């Protein structure tokens, strides 16, 4: 029982850290539009804002899901949210430290599933 609790605590920490890093990555995408010296097309601005808002929302779901890591359903949701955020964040083509947020959310879901099934 003690091992499961520590695994759930690890999953919770991973989900919180990953969710927060994902939220910061989305906010950075929005703020990067302000710092541009040239004027991008309206399509590029709209696309960037939509993806950034989606990443922020998925990061917040990751943080919220940290409270529910003992539930198998929420662990699957965390994995799905992490994979979606990874896609929207640009995958490994994204900025270096921010790409690890969605990966941490996916790991939180996997650790939660392993702890629940063991």
C-alpha atoms as a PDB file:
ATOM      1  CA  UNK A   1       0.000   0.000   0.000  1.00  0.00           C
ATOM      2  CA  UNK A   2       2.859   2.356   0.830  1.00  0.00           C
ATOM      3  CA  UNK A   3       4.447   1.790  -2.608  1.00  0.00           C
ATOM      4  CA  UNK A   4       1.177   2.632  -4.348  1.00  0.00           C
ATOM      5  CA  UNK A   5       0.782   5.861  -2.398  1.00  0.00           C
ATOM      6  CA  UNK A   6       4.280   7.001  -3.296  1.00  0.00           C
ATOM      7  CA  UNK A   7       3.631   6.115  -6.953  1.00  0.00           C
ATOM      8  CA  UNK A   8       0.409   8.131  -6.874  1.00  0.00           C
ATOM      9  CA  UNK A   9       2.318  11.021  -5.311  1.00  0.00           C
ATOM     10  CA  UNK A  10       4.908  10.782  -8.102  1.00  0.00           C
ATOM     11  CA  UNK A  11       2.139  10.781 -10.716  1.00  0.00           C
ATOM     12  CA  UNK A  12       0.546  13.806  -9.061  1.00  0.00           C
ATOM     13  CA  UNK A  13       3.838  15.733  -9.052  1.00  0.00           C
ATOM     14  CA  UNK A  14       4.520  14.831 -12.689  1.00  0.00           C
ATOM     15  CA  UNK A  15       1.027  15.954 -13.734  1.00  0.00           C
ATOM     16  CA  UNK A  16       1.323  19.273 -11.891  1.00  0.00           C
ATOM     17  CA  UNK A  17       4.794  20.039 -13.243  1.00  0.00           C
ATOM     18  CA  UNK A  18       3.892  18.944 -16.754  1.00  0.00           C
ATOM     19  CA  UNK A  19       0.649  20.884 -16.731  1.00  0.00           C
ATOM     20  CA  UNK A  20       2.338  24.055 -15.502  1.00  0.00           C
ATOM     21  CA  UNK A  21       5.123  23.793 -18.065  1.00  0.00           C
ATOM     22  CA  UNK A  22       2.494  23.249 -20.765  1.00  0.00           C
ATOM     23  CA  UNK A  23       0.550  26.328 -19.636  1.00  0.00           C
ATOM     24  CA  UNK A  24       3.732  28.411 -19.699  1.00  0.00           C
ATOM     25  CA  UNK A  25       4.542  27.122 -23.194  1.00  0.00           C
ATOM     26  CA  UNK A  26       1.117  28.220 -24.429  1.00  0.00           C
ATOM     27  CA  UNK A  27       1.474  31.622 -22.791  1.00  0.00           C
ATOM     28  CA  UNK A  28       4.905  32.004 -24.349  1.00  0.00           C
ATOM     29  CA  UNK A  29       3.421  31.319 -27.785  1.00  0.00           C
ATOM     30  CA  UNK A  30       0.905  34.120 -27.298  1.00  0.00           C
ATOM     31  CA  UNK A  31       3.542  36.497 -25.946  1.00  0.00           C
ATOM     32  CA  UNK A  32       5.863  35.728 -28.864  1.00  0.00           C
ATOM     33  CA  UNK A  33       3.317  37.353 -31.184  1.00  0.00           C
ATOM     34  CA  UNK A  34       3.771  40.646 -29.346  1.00  0.00           C
ATOM     35  CA  UNK A  35       7.551  40.634 -29.689  1.00  0.00           C
ATOM     36  CA  UNK A  36       7.642  40.192 -33.463  1.00  0.00           C
ATOM     37  CA  UNK A  37       9.136  43.034 -35.453  1.00  0.00           C
ATOM     38  CA  UNK A  38       7.279  42.180 -38.633  1.00  0.00           C
ATOM     39  CA  UNK A  39       3.534  41.945 -39.128  1.00  0.00           C
ATOM     40  CA  UNK A  40       2.494  38.342 -39.813  1.00  0.00           C
ATOM     41  CA  UNK A  41      -0.607  37.487 -41.792  1.00  0.00           C
ATOM     42  CA  UNK A  42      -3.944  37.281 -39.994  1.00  0.00           C
ATOM     43  CA  UNK A  43      -4.037  33.522 -40.665  1.00  0.00           C
ATOM     44  CA  UNK A  44      -0.703  33.034 -38.906  1.00  0.00           C
ATOM     45  CA  UNK A  45      -1.833  35.104 -35.937  1.00  0.00           C
ATOM     46  CA  UNK A  46      -5.148  33.263 -35.686  1.00  0.00           C
ATOM     47  CA  UNK A  47      -3.505  29.854 -35.958  1.00  0.00           C
ATOM     48  CA  UNK A  48      -0.910  30.723 -33.323  1.00  0.00           C
ATOM     49  CA  UNK A  49      -3.528  32.011 -30.898  1.00  0.00           C
ATOM     50  CA  UNK A  50      -5.807  28.990 -31.388  1.00  0.00           C
ATOM     51  CA  UNK A  51      -2.962  26.542 -30.811  1.00  0.00           C
ATOM     52  CA  UNK A  52      -1.694  28.507 -27.808  1.00  0.00           C
ATOM     53  CA  UNK A  53      -5.143  28.623 -26.189  1.00  0.00           C
ATOM     54  CA  UNK A  54      -5.556  24.890 -26.830  1.00  0.00           C
ATOM     55  CA  UNK A  55      -2.182  24.182 -25.212  1.00  0.00           C
ATOM     56  CA  UNK A  56      -3.058  26.357 -22.209  1.00  0.00           C
ATOM     57  CA  UNK A  57      -6.417  24.588 -21.801  1.00  0.00           C
ATOM     58  CA  UNK A  58      -4.787  21.158 -22.058  1.00  0.00           C
ATOM     59  CA  UNK A  59      -2.165  22.198 -19.501  1.00  0.00           C
ATOM     60  CA  UNK A  60      -4.901  23.280 -17.102  1.00  0.00           C
ATOM     61  CA  UNK A  61      -6.654  19.933 -17.586  1.00  0.00           C
ATOM     62  CA  UNK A  62      -3.332  18.261 -16.760  1.00  0.00           C
ATOM     63  CA  UNK A  63      -3.029  20.262 -13.546  1.00  0.00           C
ATOM     64  CA  UNK A  64      -6.664  19.542 -12.643  1.00  0.00           C
ATOM     65  CA  UNK A  65      -6.185  15.844 -13.423  1.00  0.00           C
ATOM     66  CA  UNK A  66      -3.351  15.675 -10.902  1.00  0.00           C
ATOM     67  CA  UNK A  67      -6.001  15.508  -8.176  1.00  0.00           C
ATOM     68  CA  UNK A  68      -7.554  12.440  -9.797  1.00  0.00           C
ATOM     69  CA  UNK A  69      -4.529  10.221 -10.544  1.00  0.00           C
ATOM     70  CA  UNK A  70      -5.977   7.382  -8.480  1.00  0.00           C
ATOM     71  CA  UNK A  71      -8.772   6.990 -11.036  1.00  0.00           C
ATOM     72  CA  UNK A  72      -8.033   4.822 -14.058  1.00  0.00           C
ATOM     73  CA  UNK A  73     -10.266   6.968 -16.262  1.00  0.00           C
ATOM     74  CA  UNK A  74      -8.413  10.144 -15.362  1.00  0.00           C
ATOM     75  CA  UNK A  75      -5.091   8.435 -16.033  1.00  0.00           C
ATOM     76  CA  UNK A  76      -6.244   7.694 -19.577  1.00  0.00           C
ATOM     77  CA  UNK A  77      -7.429  11.307 -19.880  1.00  0.00           C
ATOM     78  CA  UNK A  78      -4.001  12.527 -18.730  1.00  0.00           C
ATOM     79  CA  UNK A  79      -2.282  10.420 -21.382  1.00  0.00           C
ATOM     80  CA  UNK A  80      -4.655  11.729 -24.064  1.00  0.00           C
ATOM     81  CA  UNK A  81      -4.256  15.336 -22.910  1.00  0.00           C
ATOM     82  CA  UNK A  82      -0.474  14.996 -22.902  1.00  0.00           C
ATOM     83  CA  UNK A  83      -0.419  13.553 -26.416  1.00  0.00           C
ATOM     84  CA  UNK A  84      -2.724  16.284 -27.731  1.00  0.00           C
ATOM     85  CA  UNK A  85      -0.683  19.020 -26.059  1.00  0.00           C
ATOM     86  CA  UNK A  86       2.473  17.473 -27.516  1.00  0.00           C
ATOM     87  CA  UNK A  87       0.982  17.674 -31.011  1.00  0.00           C
ATOM     88  CA  UNK A  88      -0.266  21.242 -30.583  1.00  0.00           C
ATOM     89  CA  UNK A  89       3.000  22.345 -29.010  1.00  0.00           C
ATOM     90  CA  UNK A  90       4.981  21.279 -32.055  1.00  0.00           C
ATOM     91  CA  UNK A  91       6.416  17.990 -30.811  1.00  0.00           C
ATOM     92  CA  UNK A  92      10.200  17.861 -30.788  1.00  0.00           C
ATOM     93  CA  UNK A  93      10.199  20.742 -33.260  1.00  0.00           C
ATOM     94  CA  UNK A  94       9.019  22.999 -30.425  1.00  0.00           C
ATOM     95  CA  UNK A  95      11.181  25.043 -28.106  1.00  0.00           C
ATOM     96  CA  UNK A  96      13.576  23.005 -25.994  1.00  0.00           C
ATOM     97  CA  UNK A  97      12.423  23.168 -22.385  1.00  0.00           C
ATOM     98  CA  UNK A  98       8.700  23.535 -23.118  1.00  0.00           C
ATOM     99  CA  UNK A  99       8.389  20.290 -25.049  1.00  0.00           C
ATOM    100  CA  UNK A 100       8.808  18.310 -21.818  1.00  0.00           C
ATOM    101  CA  UNK A 101       5.543  19.534 -20.256  1.00  0.00           C
ATOM    102  CA  UNK A 102       3.249  17.273 -22.303  1.00  0.00           C
ATOM    103  CA  UNK A 103       5.703  14.399 -21.906  1.00  0.00           C
ATOM    104  CA  UNK A 104       5.493  14.749 -18.114  1.00  0.00           C
ATOM    105  CA  UNK A 105       1.683  14.696 -18.291  1.00  0.00           C
ATOM    106  CA  UNK A 106       1.799  11.468 -20.324  1.00  0.00           C
ATOM    107  CA  UNK A 107       4.248   9.964 -17.835  1.00  0.00           C
ATOM    108  CA  UNK A 108       1.924  10.953 -14.985  1.00  0.00           C
ATOM    109  CA  UNK A 109      -0.909   9.026 -16.619  1.00  0.00           C
ATOM    110  CA  UNK A 110       1.290   5.983 -17.186  1.00  0.00           C
ATOM    111  CA  UNK A 111       2.587   6.020 -13.605  1.00  0.00           C
ATOM    112  CA  UNK A 112      -1.000   6.342 -12.339  1.00  0.00           C
ATOM    113  CA  UNK A 113      -2.116   3.346 -14.399  1.00  0.00           C
ATOM    114  CA  UNK A 114       0.835   1.234 -13.276  1.00  0.00           C
ATOM    115  CA  UNK A 115       0.215   2.166  -9.633  1.00  0.00           C
ATOM    116  CA  UNK A 116      -3.495   1.405  -9.937  1.00  0.00           C
ATOM    117  CA  UNK A 117      -2.936  -1.993 -11.553  1.00  0.00           C
ATOM    118  CA  UNK A 118      -0.180  -3.092  -9.171  1.00  0.00           C
END
